[in-house]
Every structure is written in structure tokens, then in C-alpha cells.
């Protein structure tokens, strides 16, 4: 039985693949608890590019953001520009109804998209 690769080996492989294929997408699955945040934080450590992480639902996204911020040494009180981990908040309004999401949600979504584009 072959031993599982270390996060250092995975990070090395990820960087090599990103150098060859800049638009690469990876799927991380089969991990529970705080493991996805830990593995992501190790894989992305020192990577000088924006990374979009997609999860199943809003609750999973909120939990992952808190965990990634903890591994990154960030707090929710840090200024927006100082943070590396951001949540693209759900709209909280059905898309086909004549309701607008709150201005706080729209501002957070816009700020996150701005940061992702930088």
C-alpha cells in the first residue's frame, strides 16, 4: 500500500500544475471536520494568486471561511483589505422576486468580487 502524499508534496504538485495550466480547477473531497480548511490552508500557503473555493451551501461556506481565517491568523475584525479570506455572501432574496437583498449583503458581495479580481 502506497502512503498518502504529504501536504508539502501536494502543494508542490499543485504549483507545478498551476504553472502548466493557469485555469486549473481541483476537487477536494472525502475530508470531514476541519480537515478541508487545514488542507486548503496548507496547499494555498504562499500562493500569489486568488483562489475561489466553492462549497455545497451557505452554512458550509460560513464554516469554511471561519476555519480558513483561523488558519490564516485572521479575525473578522481585520479590515477588508487586510484579510485574505472572504465570504461571497448569499443574496438572501429569491432571484425572480421583486425583493432586493440588504445593502450590507450587496456591499459584502461587491467587495469580495473586487478583492477576487485584484
PDB file of N, CA and C in Angstrom:
ATOM      1  N   UNK A   1       0.846  -1.181   0.000  1.00  0.00           N
ATOM      2  CA  UNK A   1       0.000   0.000   0.000  1.00  0.00           C
ATOM      3  C   UNK A   1       0.890   1.243   0.000  1.00  0.00           C
ATOM      4  N   UNK A   2       0.613   2.150  -0.890  1.00  0.00           N
ATOM      5  CA  UNK A   2       1.387   3.379  -1.021  1.00  0.00           C
ATOM      6  C   UNK A   2       0.917   4.400   0.010  1.00  0.00           C
ATOM      7  N   UNK A   3       1.846   5.040   0.716  1.00  0.00           N
ATOM      8  CA  UNK A   3       1.426   6.051   1.697  1.00  0.00           C
ATOM      9  C   UNK A   3       0.857   7.286   0.992  1.00  0.00           C
ATOM     10  N   UNK A   4      -0.069   7.962   1.663  1.00  0.00           N
ATOM     11  CA  UNK A   4      -0.667   9.178   1.115  1.00  0.00           C
ATOM     12  C   UNK A   4       0.381  10.279   1.042  1.00  0.00           C
ATOM     13  N   UNK A   5       0.310  11.117   0.021  1.00  0.00           N
ATOM     14  CA  UNK A   5       1.280  12.202  -0.085  1.00  0.00           C
ATOM     15  C   UNK A   5       1.080  13.232   1.040  1.00  0.00           C
ATOM     16  N   UNK A   6       2.167  13.864   1.424  1.00  0.00           N
ATOM     17  CA  UNK A   6       2.088  14.904   2.447  1.00  0.00           C
ATOM     18  C   UNK A   6       1.521  16.175   1.822  1.00  0.00           C
ATOM     19  N   UNK A   7       1.092  17.118   2.670  1.00  0.00           N
ATOM     20  CA  UNK A   7       0.585  18.376   2.133  1.00  0.00           C
ATOM     21  C   UNK A   7       1.694  19.142   1.416  1.00  0.00           C
ATOM     22  N   UNK A   8       2.923  18.967   1.846  1.00  0.00           N
ATOM     23  CA  UNK A   8       4.051  19.612   1.172  1.00  0.00           C
ATOM     24  C   UNK A   8       4.188  19.073  -0.258  1.00  0.00           C
ATOM     25  N   UNK A   9       4.051  17.754  -0.418  1.00  0.00           N
ATOM     26  CA  UNK A   9       4.121  17.152  -1.752  1.00  0.00           C
ATOM     27  C   UNK A   9       2.932  17.583  -2.603  1.00  0.00           C
ATOM     28  N   UNK A  10       1.756  17.654  -2.000  1.00  0.00           N
ATOM     29  CA  UNK A  10       0.574  18.105  -2.736  1.00  0.00           C
ATOM     30  C   UNK A  10       0.714  19.557  -3.165  1.00  0.00           C
ATOM     31  N   UNK A  11       1.250  20.405  -2.282  1.00  0.00           N
ATOM     32  CA  UNK A  11       1.446  21.813  -2.614  1.00  0.00           C
ATOM     33  C   UNK A  11       2.416  21.945  -3.778  1.00  0.00           C
ATOM     34  N   UNK A  12       3.460  21.162  -3.765  1.00  0.00           N
ATOM     35  CA  UNK A  12       4.438  21.168  -4.852  1.00  0.00           C
ATOM     36  C   UNK A  12       3.784  20.746  -6.165  1.00  0.00           C
ATOM     37  N   UNK A  13       2.982  19.698  -6.109  1.00  0.00           N
ATOM     38  CA  UNK A  13       2.283  19.228  -7.309  1.00  0.00           C
ATOM     39  C   UNK A  13       1.288  20.269  -7.810  1.00  0.00           C
ATOM     40  N   UNK A  14       0.562  20.929  -6.886  1.00  0.00           N
ATOM     41  CA  UNK A  14      -0.394  21.961  -7.264  1.00  0.00           C
ATOM     42  C   UNK A  14       0.308  23.111  -7.962  1.00  0.00           C
ATOM     43  N   UNK A  15       1.410  23.565  -7.422  1.00  0.00           N
ATOM     44  CA  UNK A  15       2.136  24.685  -8.038  1.00  0.00           C
ATOM     45  C   UNK A  15       2.666  24.320  -9.416  1.00  0.00           C
ATOM     46  N   UNK A  16       3.131  23.088  -9.584  1.00  0.00           N
ATOM     47  CA  UNK A  16       3.604  22.635 -10.891  1.00  0.00           C
ATOM     48  C   UNK A  16       2.446  22.609 -11.896  1.00  0.00           C
ATOM     49  N   UNK A  17       1.292  22.117 -11.455  1.00  0.00           N
ATOM     50  CA  UNK A  17       0.122  22.071 -12.343  1.00  0.00           C
ATOM     51  C   UNK A  17      -0.373  23.474 -12.678  1.00  0.00           C
ATOM     52  N   UNK A  18      -0.374  24.385 -11.695  1.00  0.00           N
ATOM     53  CA  UNK A  18      -0.820  25.753 -11.952  1.00  0.00           C
ATOM     54  C   UNK A  18       0.119  26.476 -12.911  1.00  0.00           C
ATOM     55  N   UNK A  19       1.406  26.147 -12.861  1.00  0.00           N
ATOM     56  CA  UNK A  19       2.361  26.748 -13.798  1.00  0.00           C
ATOM     57  C   UNK A  19       2.062  26.286 -15.221  1.00  0.00           C
ATOM     58  N   UNK A  20       1.668  25.027 -15.368  1.00  0.00           N
ATOM     59  CA  UNK A  20       1.362  24.484 -16.694  1.00  0.00           C
ATOM     60  C   UNK A  20      -0.031  24.873 -17.169  1.00  0.00           C
ATOM     61  N   UNK A  21      -0.988  24.900 -16.248  1.00  0.00           N
ATOM     62  CA  UNK A  21      -2.387  25.156 -16.598  1.00  0.00           C
ATOM     63  C   UNK A  21      -2.960  26.208 -15.647  1.00  0.00           C
ATOM     64  N   UNK A  22      -2.835  27.500 -15.959  1.00  0.00           N
ATOM     65  CA  UNK A  22      -3.260  28.562 -15.035  1.00  0.00           C
ATOM     66  C   UNK A  22      -4.743  28.526 -14.654  1.00  0.00           C
ATOM     67  N   UNK A  23      -5.598  27.971 -15.498  1.00  0.00           N
ATOM     68  CA  UNK A  23      -7.033  27.942 -15.209  1.00  0.00           C
ATOM     69  C   UNK A  23      -7.470  26.624 -14.566  1.00  0.00           C
ATOM     70  N   UNK A  24      -6.545  25.927 -13.987  1.00  0.00           N
ATOM     71  CA  UNK A  24      -6.788  24.609 -13.409  1.00  0.00           C
ATOM     72  C   UNK A  24      -7.827  24.657 -12.290  1.00  0.00           C
ATOM     73  N   UNK A  25      -8.676  23.645 -12.233  1.00  0.00           N
ATOM     74  CA  UNK A  25      -9.586  23.506 -11.102  1.00  0.00           C
ATOM     75  C   UNK A  25      -9.342  22.140 -10.466  1.00  0.00           C
ATOM     76  N   UNK A  26      -9.389  22.109  -9.146  1.00  0.00           N
ATOM     77  CA  UNK A  26      -9.177  20.872  -8.387  1.00  0.00           C
ATOM     78  C   UNK A  26     -10.423  20.595  -7.580  1.00  0.00           C
ATOM     79  N   UNK A  27     -10.646  19.337  -7.273  1.00  0.00           N
ATOM     80  CA  UNK A  27     -11.745  18.943  -6.392  1.00  0.00           C
ATOM     81  C   UNK A  27     -11.141  18.290  -5.158  1.00  0.00           C
ATOM     82  N   UNK A  28     -11.492  18.823  -4.007  1.00  0.00           N
ATOM     83  CA  UNK A  28     -11.029  18.285  -2.729  1.00  0.00           C
ATOM     84  C   UNK A  28     -12.239  17.640  -2.070  1.00  0.00           C
ATOM     85  N   UNK A  29     -12.187  16.336  -1.873  1.00  0.00           N
ATOM     86  CA  UNK A  29     -13.346  15.655  -1.298  1.00  0.00           C
ATOM     87  C   UNK A  29     -12.910  14.540  -0.367  1.00  0.00           C
ATOM     88  N   UNK A  30     -13.847  14.047   0.415  1.00  0.00           N
ATOM     89  CA  UNK A  30     -13.571  12.933   1.310  1.00  0.00           C
ATOM     90  C   UNK A  30     -12.980  13.337   2.647  1.00  0.00           C
ATOM     91  N   UNK A  31     -12.977  14.626   2.945  1.00  0.00           N
ATOM     92  CA  UNK A  31     -12.441  15.100   4.219  1.00  0.00           C
ATOM     93  C   UNK A  31     -13.582  15.614   5.079  1.00  0.00           C
ATOM     94  N   UNK A  32     -13.472  15.439   6.381  1.00  0.00           N
ATOM     95  CA  UNK A  32     -14.511  15.901   7.286  1.00  0.00           C
ATOM     96  C   UNK A  32     -13.975  16.834   8.350  1.00  0.00           C
ATOM     97  N   UNK A  33     -14.883  17.454   9.076  1.00  0.00           N
ATOM     98  CA  UNK A  33     -14.500  18.353  10.162  1.00  0.00           C
ATOM     99  C   UNK A  33     -13.719  19.549   9.653  1.00  0.00           C
ATOM    100  N   UNK A  34     -12.618  19.857  10.330  1.00  0.00           N
ATOM    101  CA  UNK A  34     -11.773  20.983   9.949  1.00  0.00           C
ATOM    102  C   UNK A  34     -10.704  20.613   8.933  1.00  0.00           C
ATOM    103  N   UNK A  35     -10.683  19.352   8.490  1.00  0.00           N
ATOM    104  CA  UNK A  35      -9.643  18.905   7.557  1.00  0.00           C
ATOM    105  C   UNK A  35      -9.627  19.664   6.228  1.00  0.00           C
ATOM    106  N   UNK A  36     -10.796  19.946   5.611  1.00  0.00           N
ATOM    107  CA  UNK A  36     -10.734  20.691   4.352  1.00  0.00           C
ATOM    108  C   UNK A  36     -10.057  22.059   4.506  1.00  0.00           C
ATOM    109  N   UNK A  37     -10.367  22.765   5.574  1.00  0.00           N
ATOM    110  CA  UNK A  37      -9.752  24.080   5.793  1.00  0.00           C
ATOM    111  C   UNK A  37      -8.255  23.939   6.030  1.00  0.00           C
ATOM    112  N   UNK A  38      -7.863  22.931   6.793  1.00  0.00           N
ATOM    113  CA  UNK A  38      -6.440  22.719   7.056  1.00  0.00           C
ATOM    114  C   UNK A  38      -5.695  22.415   5.762  1.00  0.00           C
ATOM    115  N   UNK A  39      -6.214  21.472   4.979  1.00  0.00           N
ATOM    116  CA  UNK A  39      -5.549  21.085   3.738  1.00  0.00           C
ATOM    117  C   UNK A  39      -5.497  22.271   2.769  1.00  0.00           C
ATOM    118  N   UNK A  40      -6.606  22.991   2.632  1.00  0.00           N
ATOM    119  CA  UNK A  40      -6.611  24.165   1.751  1.00  0.00           C
ATOM    120  C   UNK A  40      -5.602  25.214   2.211  1.00  0.00           C
ATOM    121  N   UNK A  41      -5.565  25.472   3.508  1.00  0.00           N
ATOM    122  CA  UNK A  41      -4.624  26.487   4.003  1.00  0.00           C
ATOM    123  C   UNK A  41      -3.182  26.080   3.731  1.00  0.00           C
ATOM    124  N   UNK A  42      -2.883  24.784   3.852  1.00  0.00           N
ATOM    125  CA  UNK A  42      -1.524  24.287   3.567  1.00  0.00           C
ATOM    126  C   UNK A  42      -1.213  24.335   2.070  1.00  0.00           C
ATOM    127  N   UNK A  43      -2.177  23.943   1.251  1.00  0.00           N
ATOM    128  CA  UNK A  43      -1.957  23.933  -0.198  1.00  0.00           C
ATOM    129  C   UNK A  43      -1.790  25.339  -0.759  1.00  0.00           C
ATOM    130  N   UNK A  44      -2.555  26.289  -0.224  1.00  0.00           N
ATOM    131  CA  UNK A  44      -2.561  27.637  -0.776  1.00  0.00           C
ATOM    132  C   UNK A  44      -1.566  28.571  -0.109  1.00  0.00           C
ATOM    133  N   UNK A  45      -0.892  28.110   0.937  1.00  0.00           N
ATOM    134  CA  UNK A  45       0.073  28.935   1.658  1.00  0.00           C
ATOM    135  C   UNK A  45       1.159  29.435   0.707  1.00  0.00           C
ATOM    136  N   UNK A  46       1.301  30.739   0.628  1.00  0.00           N
ATOM    137  CA  UNK A  46       2.342  31.339  -0.200  1.00  0.00           C
ATOM    138  C   UNK A  46       2.005  31.416  -1.677  1.00  0.00           C
ATOM    139  N   UNK A  47       0.832  30.984  -2.068  1.00  0.00           N
ATOM    140  CA  UNK A  47       0.431  31.054  -3.470  1.00  0.00           C
ATOM    141  C   UNK A  47       0.006  32.484  -3.777  1.00  0.00           C
ATOM    142  N   UNK A  48       0.626  33.110  -4.747  1.00  0.00           N
ATOM    143  CA  UNK A  48       0.345  34.514  -5.071  1.00  0.00           C
ATOM    144  C   UNK A  48      -0.718  34.637  -6.153  1.00  0.00           C
ATOM    145  N   UNK A  49      -1.886  34.126  -5.874  1.00  0.00           N
ATOM    146  CA  UNK A  49      -2.998  34.266  -6.802  1.00  0.00           C
ATOM    147  C   UNK A  49      -4.298  34.066  -6.043  1.00  0.00           C
ATOM    148  N   UNK A  50      -5.341  34.653  -6.569  1.00  0.00           N
ATOM    149  CA  UNK A  50      -6.659  34.486  -5.955  1.00  0.00           C
ATOM    150  C   UNK A  50      -7.144  33.066  -6.196  1.00  0.00           C
ATOM    151  N   UNK A  51      -7.854  32.549  -5.235  1.00  0.00           N
ATOM    152  CA  UNK A  51      -8.403  31.205  -5.350  1.00  0.00           C
ATOM    153  C   UNK A  51      -9.869  31.251  -4.947  1.00  0.00           C
ATOM    154  N   UNK A  52     -10.708  30.687  -5.777  1.00  0.00           N
ATOM    155  CA  UNK A  52     -12.131  30.610  -5.490  1.00  0.00           C
ATOM    156  C   UNK A  52     -12.444  29.198  -5.022  1.00  0.00           C
ATOM    157  N   UNK A  53     -13.070  29.094  -3.844  1.00  0.00           N
ATOM    158  CA  UNK A  53     -13.438  27.793  -3.288  1.00  0.00           C
ATOM    159  C   UNK A  53     -14.960  27.719  -3.279  1.00  0.00           C
ATOM    160  N   UNK A  54     -15.499  26.696  -3.890  1.00  0.00           N
ATOM    161  CA  UNK A  54     -16.951  26.515  -3.981  1.00  0.00           C
ATOM    162  C   UNK A  54     -17.347  25.354  -3.077  1.00  0.00           C
ATOM    163  N   UNK A  55     -18.366  25.591  -2.250  1.00  0.00           N
ATOM    164  CA  UNK A  55     -18.863  24.545  -1.348  1.00  0.00           C
ATOM    165  C   UNK A  55     -20.360  24.353  -1.589  1.00  0.00           C
ATOM    166  N   UNK A  56     -20.935  23.361  -0.923  1.00  0.00           N
ATOM    167  CA  UNK A  56     -22.307  22.936  -1.202  1.00  0.00           C
ATOM    168  C   UNK A  56     -23.376  23.970  -0.841  1.00  0.00           C
ATOM    169  N   UNK A  57     -23.218  24.664   0.279  1.00  0.00           N
ATOM    170  CA  UNK A  57     -24.278  25.572   0.709  1.00  0.00           C
ATOM    171  C   UNK A  57     -23.704  26.706   1.558  1.00  0.00           C
ATOM    172  N   UNK A  58     -24.584  27.623   1.939  1.00  0.00           N
ATOM    173  CA  UNK A  58     -24.169  28.807   2.686  1.00  0.00           C
ATOM    174  C   UNK A  58     -23.576  28.458   4.050  1.00  0.00           C
ATOM    175  N   UNK A  59     -24.172  27.503   4.737  1.00  0.00           N
ATOM    176  CA  UNK A  59     -23.666  27.109   6.062  1.00  0.00           C
ATOM    177  C   UNK A  59     -22.250  26.556   5.952  1.00  0.00           C
ATOM    178  N   UNK A  60     -22.022  25.690   4.962  1.00  0.00           N
ATOM    179  CA  UNK A  60     -20.678  25.135   4.746  1.00  0.00           C
ATOM    180  C   UNK A  60     -19.686  26.231   4.398  1.00  0.00           C
ATOM    181  N   UNK A  61     -20.128  27.211   3.621  1.00  0.00           N
ATOM    182  CA  UNK A  61     -19.251  28.326   3.241  1.00  0.00           C
ATOM    183  C   UNK A  61     -18.861  29.156   4.461  1.00  0.00           C
ATOM    184  N   UNK A  62     -19.839  29.462   5.303  1.00  0.00           N
ATOM    185  CA  UNK A  62     -19.557  30.255   6.500  1.00  0.00           C
ATOM    186  C   UNK A  62     -18.596  29.524   7.429  1.00  0.00           C
ATOM    187  N   UNK A  63     -18.797  28.222   7.606  1.00  0.00           N
ATOM    188  CA  UNK A  63     -17.903  27.441   8.466  1.00  0.00           C
ATOM    189  C   UNK A  63     -16.490  27.390   7.891  1.00  0.00           C
ATOM    190  N   UNK A  64     -16.386  27.190   6.579  1.00  0.00           N
ATOM    191  CA  UNK A  64     -15.075  27.120   5.948  1.00  0.00           C
ATOM    192  C   UNK A  64     -14.332  28.451   6.048  1.00  0.00           C
ATOM    193  N   UNK A  65     -15.043  29.549   5.881  1.00  0.00           N
ATOM    194  CA  UNK A  65     -14.416  30.867   5.992  1.00  0.00           C
ATOM    195  C   UNK A  65     -13.851  31.081   7.387  1.00  0.00           C
ATOM    196  N   UNK A  66     -14.615  30.742   8.409  1.00  0.00           N
ATOM    197  CA  UNK A  66     -14.143  30.902   9.797  1.00  0.00           C
ATOM    198  C   UNK A  66     -12.893  30.064  10.024  1.00  0.00           C
ATOM    199  N   UNK A  67     -12.918  28.812   9.554  1.00  0.00           N
ATOM    200  CA  UNK A  67     -11.767  27.920   9.739  1.00  0.00           C
ATOM    201  C   UNK A  67     -10.549  28.406   8.953  1.00  0.00           C
ATOM    202  N   UNK A  68     -10.750  28.824   7.696  1.00  0.00           N
ATOM    203  CA  UNK A  68      -9.624  29.326   6.894  1.00  0.00           C
ATOM    204  C   UNK A  68      -9.034  30.599   7.501  1.00  0.00           C
ATOM    205  N   UNK A  69      -9.905  31.467   8.020  1.00  0.00           N
ATOM    206  CA  UNK A  69      -9.408  32.684   8.673  1.00  0.00           C
ATOM    207  C   UNK A  69      -8.577  32.330   9.901  1.00  0.00           C
ATOM    208  N   UNK A  70      -8.993  31.328  10.640  1.00  0.00           N
ATOM    209  CA  UNK A  70      -8.227  30.911  11.822  1.00  0.00           C
ATOM    210  C   UNK A  70      -6.853  30.394  11.407  1.00  0.00           C
ATOM    211  N   UNK A  71      -6.797  29.557  10.369  1.00  0.00           N
ATOM    212  CA  UNK A  71      -5.502  29.041   9.905  1.00  0.00           C
ATOM    213  C   UNK A  71      -4.630  30.151   9.322  1.00  0.00           C
ATOM    214  N   UNK A  72      -5.264  31.182   8.760  1.00  0.00           N
ATOM    215  CA  UNK A  72      -4.512  32.304   8.181  1.00  0.00           C
ATOM    216  C   UNK A  72      -4.141  33.348   9.226  1.00  0.00           C
ATOM    217  N   UNK A  73      -4.611  33.168  10.468  1.00  0.00           N
ATOM    218  CA  UNK A  73      -4.323  34.135  11.519  1.00  0.00           C
ATOM    219  C   UNK A  73      -5.134  35.408  11.389  1.00  0.00           C
ATOM    220  N   UNK A  74      -6.272  35.323  10.748  1.00  0.00           N
ATOM    221  CA  UNK A  74      -7.138  36.488  10.556  1.00  0.00           C
ATOM    222  C   UNK A  74      -8.310  36.435  11.522  1.00  0.00           C
ATOM    223  N   UNK A  75      -8.904  37.589  11.748  1.00  0.00           N
ATOM    224  CA  UNK A  75     -10.126  37.653  12.544  1.00  0.00           C
ATOM    225  C   UNK A  75     -11.165  38.416  11.744  1.00  0.00           C
ATOM    226  N   UNK A  76     -12.412  38.266  12.135  1.00  0.00           N
ATOM    227  CA  UNK A  76     -13.479  39.001  11.469  1.00  0.00           C
ATOM    228  C   UNK A  76     -13.361  40.501  11.663  1.00  0.00           C
ATOM    229  N   UNK A  77     -12.549  40.910  12.646  1.00  0.00           N
ATOM    230  CA  UNK A  77     -12.376  42.337  12.926  1.00  0.00           C
ATOM    231  C   UNK A  77     -11.312  42.983  12.041  1.00  0.00           C
ATOM    232  N   UNK A  78     -10.516  42.174  11.352  1.00  0.00           N
ATOM    233  CA  UNK A  78      -9.495  42.734  10.471  1.00  0.00           C
ATOM    234  C   UNK A  78     -10.172  43.553   9.377  1.00  0.00           C
ATOM    235  N   UNK A  79      -9.477  44.576   8.898  1.00  0.00           N
ATOM    236  CA  UNK A  79     -10.045  45.385   7.830  1.00  0.00           C
ATOM    237  C   UNK A  79     -10.187  44.541   6.569  1.00  0.00           C
ATOM    238  N   UNK A  80     -11.086  44.968   5.720  1.00  0.00           N
ATOM    239  CA  UNK A  80     -11.360  44.209   4.499  1.00  0.00           C
ATOM    240  C   UNK A  80     -10.098  44.009   3.665  1.00  0.00           C
ATOM    241  N   UNK A  81      -9.307  45.040   3.512  1.00  0.00           N
ATOM    242  CA  UNK A  81      -8.108  44.948   2.673  1.00  0.00           C
ATOM    243  C   UNK A  81      -7.009  44.114   3.322  1.00  0.00           C
ATOM    244  N   UNK A  82      -7.040  43.968   4.639  1.00  0.00           N
ATOM    245  CA  UNK A  82      -6.017  43.192   5.329  1.00  0.00           C
ATOM    246  C   UNK A  82      -6.302  41.692   5.264  1.00  0.00           C
ATOM    247  N   UNK A  83      -7.573  41.320   5.038  1.00  0.00           N
ATOM    248  CA  UNK A  83      -7.946  39.906   5.010  1.00  0.00           C
ATOM    249  C   UNK A  83      -7.630  39.259   3.673  1.00  0.00           C
ATOM    250  N   UNK A  84      -7.291  37.969   3.725  1.00  0.00           N
ATOM    251  CA  UNK A  84      -7.092  37.185   2.517  1.00  0.00           C
ATOM    252  C   UNK A  84      -8.273  36.258   2.262  1.00  0.00           C
ATOM    253  N   UNK A  85      -9.054  35.985   3.289  1.00  0.00           N
ATOM    254  CA  UNK A  85     -10.190  35.069   3.182  1.00  0.00           C
ATOM    255  C   UNK A  85     -11.475  35.888   3.240  1.00  0.00           C
ATOM    256  N   UNK A  86     -12.331  35.695   2.232  1.00  0.00           N
ATOM    257  CA  UNK A  86     -13.585  36.446   2.145  1.00  0.00           C
ATOM    258  C   UNK A  86     -14.734  35.500   1.838  1.00  0.00           C
ATOM    259  N   UNK A  87     -15.913  35.871   2.280  1.00  0.00           N
ATOM    260  CA  UNK A  87     -17.125  35.100   2.011  1.00  0.00           C
ATOM    261  C   UNK A  87     -17.938  35.839   0.962  1.00  0.00           C
ATOM    262  N   UNK A  88     -18.301  35.133  -0.094  1.00  0.00           N
ATOM    263  CA  UNK A  88     -19.230  35.690  -1.081  1.00  0.00           C
ATOM    264  C   UNK A  88     -20.621  35.350  -0.580  1.00  0.00           C
ATOM    265  N   UNK A  89     -21.223  36.284   0.117  1.00  0.00           N
ATOM    266  CA  UNK A  89     -22.483  36.050   0.829  1.00  0.00           C
ATOM    267  C   UNK A  89     -23.632  35.738  -0.125  1.00  0.00           C
ATOM    268  N   UNK A  90     -24.556  34.930   0.345  1.00  0.00           N
ATOM    269  CA  UNK A  90     -25.766  34.635  -0.423  1.00  0.00           C
ATOM    270  C   UNK A  90     -26.603  35.910  -0.530  1.00  0.00           C
ATOM    271  N   UNK A  91     -27.396  36.011  -1.582  1.00  0.00           N
ATOM    272  CA  UNK A  91     -28.194  37.221  -1.822  1.00  0.00           C
ATOM    273  C   UNK A  91     -29.300  37.411  -0.802  1.00  0.00           C
ATOM    274  N   UNK A  92     -29.787  36.362  -0.203  1.00  0.00           N
ATOM    275  CA  UNK A  92     -30.877  36.410   0.779  1.00  0.00           C
ATOM    276  C   UNK A  92     -32.203  36.866   0.188  1.00  0.00           C
ATOM    277  N   UNK A  93     -32.298  36.975  -1.117  1.00  0.00           N
ATOM    278  CA  UNK A  93     -33.551  37.346  -1.772  1.00  0.00           C
ATOM    279  C   UNK A  93     -33.701  36.444  -2.992  1.00  0.00           C
ATOM    280  N   UNK A  94     -34.870  35.853  -3.173  1.00  0.00           N
ATOM    281  CA  UNK A  94     -35.063  34.999  -4.342  1.00  0.00           C
ATOM    282  C   UNK A  94     -34.819  35.786  -5.631  1.00  0.00           C
ATOM    283  N   UNK A  95     -34.139  35.190  -6.600  1.00  0.00           N
ATOM    284  CA  UNK A  95     -33.743  35.935  -7.796  1.00  0.00           C
ATOM    285  C   UNK A  95     -34.895  36.445  -8.655  1.00  0.00           C
ATOM    286  N   UNK A  96     -36.047  35.801  -8.661  1.00  0.00           N
ATOM    287  CA  UNK A  96     -37.135  36.226  -9.535  1.00  0.00           C
ATOM    288  C   UNK A  96     -38.215  37.039  -8.825  1.00  0.00           C
ATOM    289  N   UNK A  97     -38.010  37.324  -7.570  1.00  0.00           N
ATOM    290  CA  UNK A  97     -38.975  38.145  -6.838  1.00  0.00           C
ATOM    291  C   UNK A  97     -38.509  39.592  -6.827  1.00  0.00           C
ATOM    292  N   UNK A  98     -39.431  40.483  -6.617  1.00  0.00           N
ATOM    293  CA  UNK A  98     -39.129  41.915  -6.639  1.00  0.00           C
ATOM    294  C   UNK A  98     -38.586  42.390  -5.291  1.00  0.00           C
ATOM    295  N   UNK A  99     -37.721  41.602  -4.688  1.00  0.00           N
ATOM    296  CA  UNK A  99     -37.096  41.958  -3.416  1.00  0.00           C
ATOM    297  C   UNK A  99     -35.606  42.188  -3.648  1.00  0.00           C
ATOM    298  N   UNK A 100     -35.073  43.172  -2.987  1.00  0.00           N
ATOM    299  CA  UNK A 100     -33.641  43.428  -3.077  1.00  0.00           C
ATOM    300  C   UNK A 100     -32.969  42.934  -1.805  1.00  0.00           C
ATOM    301  N   UNK A 101     -31.771  42.381  -1.945  1.00  0.00           N
ATOM    302  CA  UNK A 101     -31.034  41.997  -0.741  1.00  0.00           C
ATOM    303  C   UNK A 101     -30.640  43.249   0.045  1.00  0.00           C
ATOM    304  N   UNK A 102     -30.283  43.054   1.293  1.00  0.00           N
ATOM    305  CA  UNK A 102     -29.894  44.193   2.117  1.00  0.00           C
ATOM    306  C   UNK A 102     -28.657  44.864   1.547  1.00  0.00           C
ATOM    307  N   UNK A 103     -28.493  46.131   1.857  1.00  0.00           N
ATOM    308  CA  UNK A 103     -27.334  46.876   1.342  1.00  0.00           C
ATOM    309  C   UNK A 103     -26.020  46.312   1.901  1.00  0.00           C
ATOM    310  N   UNK A 104     -26.058  45.751   3.134  1.00  0.00           N
ATOM    311  CA  UNK A 104     -24.859  45.153   3.709  1.00  0.00           C
ATOM    312  C   UNK A 104     -24.423  43.928   2.918  1.00  0.00           C
ATOM    313  N   UNK A 105     -25.395  43.096   2.526  1.00  0.00           N
ATOM    314  CA  UNK A 105     -25.089  41.893   1.746  1.00  0.00           C
ATOM    315  C   UNK A 105     -24.539  42.291   0.376  1.00  0.00           C
ATOM    316  N   UNK A 106     -25.179  43.250  -0.277  1.00  0.00           N
ATOM    317  CA  UNK A 106     -24.700  43.692  -1.598  1.00  0.00           C
ATOM    318  C   UNK A 106     -23.308  44.299  -1.502  1.00  0.00           C
ATOM    319  N   UNK A 107     -23.045  45.071  -0.454  1.00  0.00           N
ATOM    320  CA  UNK A 107     -21.719  45.669  -0.276  1.00  0.00           C
ATOM    321  C   UNK A 107     -20.668  44.589  -0.053  1.00  0.00           C
ATOM    322  N   UNK A 108     -20.995  43.591   0.754  1.00  0.00           N
ATOM    323  CA  UNK A 108     -20.045  42.495   1.016  1.00  0.00           C
ATOM    324  C   UNK A 108     -19.776  41.699  -0.253  1.00  0.00           C
ATOM    325  N   UNK A 109     -20.808  41.437  -1.038  1.00  0.00           N
ATOM    326  CA  UNK A 109     -20.635  40.699  -2.294  1.00  0.00           C
ATOM    327  C   UNK A 109     -19.772  41.487  -3.272  1.00  0.00           C
ATOM    328  N   UNK A 110     -20.038  42.770  -3.393  1.00  0.00           N
ATOM    329  CA  UNK A 110     -19.262  43.622  -4.306  1.00  0.00           C
ATOM    330  C   UNK A 110     -17.811  43.703  -3.856  1.00  0.00           C
ATOM    331  N   UNK A 111     -17.600  43.867  -2.562  1.00  0.00           N
ATOM    332  CA  UNK A 111     -16.232  43.956  -2.040  1.00  0.00           C
ATOM    333  C   UNK A 111     -15.464  42.653  -2.264  1.00  0.00           C
ATOM    334  N   UNK A 112     -16.137  41.520  -2.094  1.00  0.00           N
ATOM    335  CA  UNK A 112     -15.489  40.234  -2.313  1.00  0.00           C
ATOM    336  C   UNK A 112     -15.126  40.057  -3.785  1.00  0.00           C
ATOM    337  N   UNK A 113     -16.022  40.414  -4.687  1.00  0.00           N
ATOM    338  CA  UNK A 113     -15.706  40.326  -6.117  1.00  0.00           C
ATOM    339  C   UNK A 113     -14.547  41.251  -6.484  1.00  0.00           C
ATOM    340  N   UNK A 114     -14.523  42.433  -5.894  1.00  0.00           N
ATOM    341  CA  UNK A 114     -13.426  43.376  -6.155  1.00  0.00           C
ATOM    342  C   UNK A 114     -12.101  42.761  -5.714  1.00  0.00           C
ATOM    343  N   UNK A 115     -12.085  42.194  -4.526  1.00  0.00           N
ATOM    344  CA  UNK A 115     -10.861  41.587  -3.992  1.00  0.00           C
ATOM    345  C   UNK A 115     -10.420  40.388  -4.843  1.00  0.00           C
ATOM    346  N   UNK A 116     -11.364  39.596  -5.313  1.00  0.00           N
ATOM    347  CA  UNK A 116     -11.066  38.435  -6.146  1.00  0.00           C
ATOM    348  C   UNK A 116     -10.449  38.877  -7.478  1.00  0.00           C
ATOM    349  N   UNK A 117     -10.911  39.980  -8.013  1.00  0.00           N
ATOM    350  CA  UNK A 117     -10.383  40.483  -9.292  1.00  0.00           C
ATOM    351  C   UNK A 117      -8.992  41.088  -9.169  1.00  0.00           C
ATOM    352  N   UNK A 118      -8.606  41.476  -7.977  1.00  0.00           N
ATOM    353  CA  UNK A 118      -7.276  42.067  -7.812  1.00  0.00           C
ATOM    354  C   UNK A 118      -6.292  40.957  -7.824  1.00  0.00           C
TER     355      UNK A 118
END
